Protein backbone atom coordinates (compact mmCIF):
# COMPACT_ATOMS: atom_id res chain seq x y z
CA UNK A 1 0.07 0.00 0.18
CA UNK A 2 0.98 3.55 -0.54
CA UNK A 3 2.92 5.01 2.64
CA UNK A 4 0.42 7.61 3.18
CA UNK A 5 -3.09 8.96 2.52
CA UNK A 6 -4.02 11.01 -0.54
CA UNK A 7 -4.43 14.07 1.59
CA UNK A 8 -0.92 13.95 2.93
CA UNK A 9 0.65 13.10 -0.34
CA UNK A 10 2.66 15.46 -2.09
CA UNK A 11 4.22 14.50 -5.52
CA UNK A 12 8.01 14.39 -5.46
CA UNK A 13 8.65 15.22 -8.97
CA UNK A 14 11.70 13.13 -9.88
CA UNK A 15 12.73 11.93 -13.44
CA UNK A 16 11.48 8.36 -12.80
CA UNK A 17 8.07 9.53 -11.91
CA UNK A 18 8.00 11.80 -14.95
CA UNK A 19 8.90 8.70 -17.07
CA UNK A 20 5.95 6.76 -15.47
CA UNK A 21 3.75 9.81 -16.41
CA UNK A 22 5.09 9.44 -20.19
CA UNK A 23 4.30 5.59 -19.93
CA UNK A 24 0.66 6.17 -18.75
CA UNK A 25 0.21 8.71 -21.56
CA UNK A 26 1.29 6.07 -24.05
CA UNK A 27 0.11 2.64 -23.27
CA UNK A 28 -1.52 3.25 -20.11
CA UNK A 29 -5.36 2.74 -19.01
CA UNK A 30 -6.97 4.40 -15.91
CA UNK A 31 -10.41 4.34 -14.47
CA UNK A 32 -11.95 6.05 -11.50
CA UNK A 33 -15.73 5.46 -10.97
CA UNK A 34 -17.82 5.21 -8.14
CA UNK A 35 -19.06 1.64 -7.36
CA UNK A 36 -16.48 0.29 -10.05
CA UNK A 37 -12.90 -0.86 -9.64
CA UNK A 38 -10.25 1.92 -9.61
CA UNK A 39 -7.72 0.64 -11.84
CA UNK A 40 -4.39 1.28 -13.64
CA UNK A 41 -3.42 -0.68 -16.55
CA UNK A 42 -0.20 -0.85 -18.76
CA UNK A 43 -0.10 -2.96 -21.91
CA UNK A 44 2.79 -4.30 -23.91
CA UNK A 45 3.58 -6.87 -26.56
CA UNK A 46 4.08 -10.18 -25.17
CA UNK A 47 6.99 -11.25 -27.57
CA UNK A 48 8.76 -7.79 -27.51
CA UNK A 49 8.03 -6.19 -24.25
CA UNK A 50 8.23 -8.88 -21.45
CA UNK A 51 11.66 -7.30 -20.09
CA UNK A 52 10.31 -3.96 -20.29
CA UNK A 53 7.18 -4.45 -18.23
CA UNK A 54 9.04 -6.01 -15.36
CA UNK A 55 11.20 -2.82 -15.52
CA UNK A 56 7.90 -0.88 -15.18
CA UNK A 57 6.93 -3.17 -12.43
CA UNK A 58 10.12 -2.43 -10.35
CA UNK A 59 9.42 1.41 -10.79
CA UNK A 60 6.03 1.14 -9.34
CA UNK A 61 7.52 -0.82 -6.31
CA UNK A 62 10.16 1.81 -5.77
CA UNK A 63 8.10 4.76 -6.17
CA UNK A 64 4.61 3.75 -4.64
CA UNK A 65 5.50 0.53 -2.49
CA UNK A 66 2.94 -1.34 -4.53
CA UNK A 67 3.63 -4.64 -6.38
CA UNK A 68 1.56 -4.76 -9.62
CA UNK A 69 0.25 -8.02 -11.14
CA UNK A 70 1.47 -9.05 -14.46
CA UNK A 71 -0.87 -11.09 -16.73
CA UNK A 72 -0.01 -12.61 -20.02
CA UNK A 73 -2.35 -13.33 -22.94
CA UNK A 74 -0.60 -15.66 -25.40
CA UNK A 75 -3.46 -15.90 -27.79
CA UNK A 76 -3.56 -12.23 -28.49
CA UNK A 77 0.17 -11.75 -27.84
CA UNK A 78 -0.01 -8.98 -25.13
CA UNK A 79 1.05 -8.39 -21.41
CA UNK A 80 -0.97 -6.45 -18.84
CA UNK A 81 0.35 -4.82 -15.71
CA UNK A 82 -2.26 -3.78 -13.42
CA UNK A 83 -2.94 -2.24 -10.06
CA UNK A 84 -6.32 -1.91 -8.34
CA UNK A 85 -6.09 1.44 -5.98
CA UNK A 86 -8.35 4.19 -5.51
CA UNK A 87 -5.74 6.30 -3.88
CA UNK A 88 -3.07 5.70 -6.51
CA UNK A 89 -5.68 6.57 -9.25
CA UNK A 90 -6.35 9.78 -7.57
CA UNK A 91 -2.78 10.55 -6.96
CA UNK A 92 -2.11 10.10 -10.66
CA UNK A 93 -5.03 12.00 -11.96
CA UNK A 94 -5.49 14.83 -9.51
CA UNK A 95 -1.58 15.53 -8.74
CA UNK A 96 0.11 14.10 -11.80
CA UNK A 97 -2.39 15.14 -14.26
CA UNK A 98 -2.57 11.89 -16.00
CA UNK A 99 -6.10 11.62 -17.91
CA UNK A 100 -8.69 9.02 -17.10
CA UNK A 101 -9.50 6.74 -19.96
CA UNK A 102 -10.55 7.08 -22.83
CA UNK A 103 -7.60 9.49 -23.18
CA UNK A 104 -8.84 12.65 -25.33
CA UNK A 105 -7.29 16.07 -25.84
CA UNK A 106 -3.90 14.96 -24.41
CA UNK A 107 -1.34 17.72 -23.38
CA UNK A 108 2.02 17.35 -21.68
CA UNK A 109 1.32 18.62 -17.99
CA UNK A 110 2.79 22.17 -17.31
CA UNK A 111 5.12 20.95 -14.45
CA UNK A 112 6.84 18.68 -16.86
CA UNK A 113 7.09 21.09 -19.75
CA UNK A 114 8.79 23.75 -17.29
CA UNK A 115 11.66 21.23 -16.29
CA UNK A 116 14.20 19.93 -18.87
CA UNK A 117 14.98 16.65 -16.93
CA UNK A 118 11.20 15.88 -16.35
CA UNK A 119 10.44 16.48 -20.06
CA UNK A 120 13.37 14.33 -21.14
CA UNK A 121 12.12 11.44 -18.92
CA UNK A 122 8.32 11.95 -20.02
CA UNK A 123 9.24 11.77 -23.54
CA UNK A 124 11.49 8.58 -22.97
CA UNK A 125 8.42 6.81 -21.28
CA UNK A 126 6.01 7.81 -24.07
CA UNK A 127 8.69 6.72 -26.85
CA UNK A 128 8.95 3.13 -25.08
CA UNK A 129 5.42 2.62 -25.23
CA UNK A 130 3.90 4.52 -28.27
CA UNK A 131 7.12 4.63 -30.19
CA UNK A 132 9.29 2.43 -32.41
CA UNK A 133 12.62 2.72 -34.57
CA UNK A 134 12.17 1.89 -38.04
CA UNK A 135 13.48 3.18 -41.44
CA UNK A 136 12.88 4.50 -44.93
CA UNK A 137 14.52 3.94 -48.25
CA UNK A 138 14.75 6.82 -50.72
CA UNK A 139 15.83 6.58 -54.31
CA UNK A 140 18.06 9.34 -55.80
CA UNK A 141 19.66 9.52 -59.16
CA UNK A 142 19.05 5.73 -59.55
CA UNK A 143 20.42 4.70 -56.21
CA UNK A 144 18.69 3.67 -52.79
CA UNK A 145 19.56 5.44 -49.67
CA UNK A 146 18.74 4.05 -46.29
CA UNK A 147 17.56 6.35 -43.35
CA UNK A 148 16.72 5.54 -39.73
CA UNK A 149 13.50 7.03 -38.25
CA UNK A 150 12.24 7.31 -34.75
CA UNK A 151 8.51 7.49 -34.45
CA UNK A 152 6.11 8.34 -31.87
CA UNK A 153 2.43 7.83 -32.40
CA UNK A 154 -0.66 9.52 -31.13
CA UNK A 155 -4.38 10.18 -32.03
CA UNK A 156 -4.23 13.88 -31.51
CA UNK A 157 -2.65 16.35 -33.88
CA UNK A 158 -2.20 19.04 -31.20
CA UNK A 159 -0.44 16.49 -28.90
CA UNK A 160 2.10 15.43 -31.59
CA UNK A 161 2.76 18.98 -32.31
CA UNK A 162 3.57 19.54 -28.73
CA UNK A 163 6.02 16.67 -28.92
CA UNK A 164 7.51 18.24 -31.64
CA UNK A 165 7.87 21.89 -29.94
CA UNK A 166 9.24 20.02 -26.87
CA UNK A 167 11.89 18.14 -28.88
CA UNK A 168 12.90 21.34 -30.54
CA UNK A 169 13.19 22.93 -27.09
CA UNK A 170 15.61 20.00 -26.31
CA UNK A 171 17.64 20.70 -29.67
CA UNK A 172 16.20 17.54 -31.49
CA UNK A 173 14.74 18.28 -35.05
CA UNK A 174 11.27 16.47 -35.79
CA UNK A 175 8.28 16.67 -37.54
CA UNK A 176 4.59 15.77 -37.44
CA UNK A 177 2.75 13.71 -40.44
CA UNK A 178 -0.62 12.34 -40.61
CA UNK A 179 -1.33 8.82 -41.31
CA UNK A 180 -4.24 6.14 -41.75
CA UNK A 181 -3.98 3.01 -39.40
CA UNK A 182 -6.40 0.47 -39.82
CA UNK A 183 -9.05 2.92 -41.25
CA UNK A 184 -8.41 5.50 -38.28
CA UNK A 185 -6.60 8.71 -38.68
CA UNK A 186 -3.58 9.38 -36.62
CA UNK A 187 -0.29 11.21 -36.31
CA UNK A 188 3.35 10.43 -35.95
CA UNK A 189 6.14 12.56 -34.40
CA UNK A 190 9.12 11.70 -36.75
CA UNK A 191 12.88 11.89 -36.00
CA UNK A 192 14.93 11.24 -38.96
CA UNK A 193 18.48 10.14 -39.83
CA UNK A 194 21.13 11.73 -37.88
CA UNK A 195 18.78 13.36 -35.49
CA UNK A 196 18.15 10.10 -34.17
CA UNK A 197 21.62 9.99 -32.69
CA UNK A 198 20.79 13.30 -30.59
CA UNK A 199 17.54 11.60 -29.71
CA UNK A 200 19.26 8.43 -28.21
CA UNK A 201 22.20 10.48 -26.67
CA UNK A 202 19.74 12.74 -24.75
CA UNK A 203 16.47 10.79 -24.25
CA UNK A 204 17.55 7.26 -24.78
CA UNK A 205 15.43 4.32 -24.05
CA UNK A 206 14.66 1.77 -21.19
CA UNK A 207 12.96 -0.74 -23.44
CA UNK A 208 15.38 -3.34 -24.85
CA UNK A 209 13.18 -3.70 -27.91
CA UNK A 210 13.95 0.09 -28.80
CA UNK A 211 17.56 -0.04 -27.92
CA UNK A 212 18.32 -3.12 -29.98
CA UNK A 213 16.55 -2.07 -32.89
CA UNK A 214 18.07 1.30 -33.24
CA UNK A 215 21.61 -0.26 -32.78
CA UNK A 216 20.53 -2.59 -35.90
CA UNK A 217 19.20 0.07 -38.04
CA UNK A 218 21.81 2.88 -37.34
CA UNK A 219 24.45 0.22 -38.16
CA UNK A 220 23.34 0.35 -41.74
CA UNK A 221 22.18 4.00 -42.11
CA UNK A 222 24.60 4.91 -44.88
CA UNK A 223 23.90 1.77 -46.96
CA UNK A 224 23.03 2.09 -50.75
CA UNK A 225 21.90 -0.36 -53.00
C-alpha cells in the first residue's frame, strides 16, 4: 500500500516519476468510477516487451510501494500490468494530471514542460510505449539510400505538435505527419536520420526492444543499394 493517505501526499517530481507519466500517456489505461474498480493498466507486446514490463513493475515498487500484477495473454500476444488502488488513481489523476481513459485532448502537463529533466524522462516513457525505431529507403539518381527513423504515434494532432515543439526545445529536430492506420486517422512524430543520434544520446530508451532496434538500424544508415 501507499505509505501515506492521499490528503498527505505531495508529488516528489523526480525524473523516474515523469517517465511513469509518459508511460501512462502512451500505453496506460486508468479508470476512476464510483461503485467500480479503480484501476491502472499498462499494456505491452508479449513477444517484445516482457523485459520492459518487469522494468515498469520495479518502478511502481520503488515509487509507490505497490507490487503490480502482471498477466500474459498468449493468444492475443499481449501483456497487462495492473494495479487496483483508488488512492493511486486519485494521485495519478489529481496531482500528476494523468488523464482518465479514454484519453482525449492530451497535453503534456505544465510541470513537466517547465523542467528539462522531467521533459526528457516523460518523452522517454512515451517513446518506449507508443514509439518505435524503423527506416525508410529513398531513391536518388538511380540509387537507394537508407535512413533511420524514430516515430512516436498519437491520435491527437495537437499533442504530436506539442511533442515536436518539446523536442525542438531540447535541440532535436522532428516533424509531424498524418497517417491512416486500420481505417483510423492518427499522427506520427518523426525524428529522421542523424537526429536519431541526438535523440538517443539525450532521451534514450529503457525498453530493450527500442535499444536493440536502433543499434541494428543505425548500423546500416549509410547503406546504398
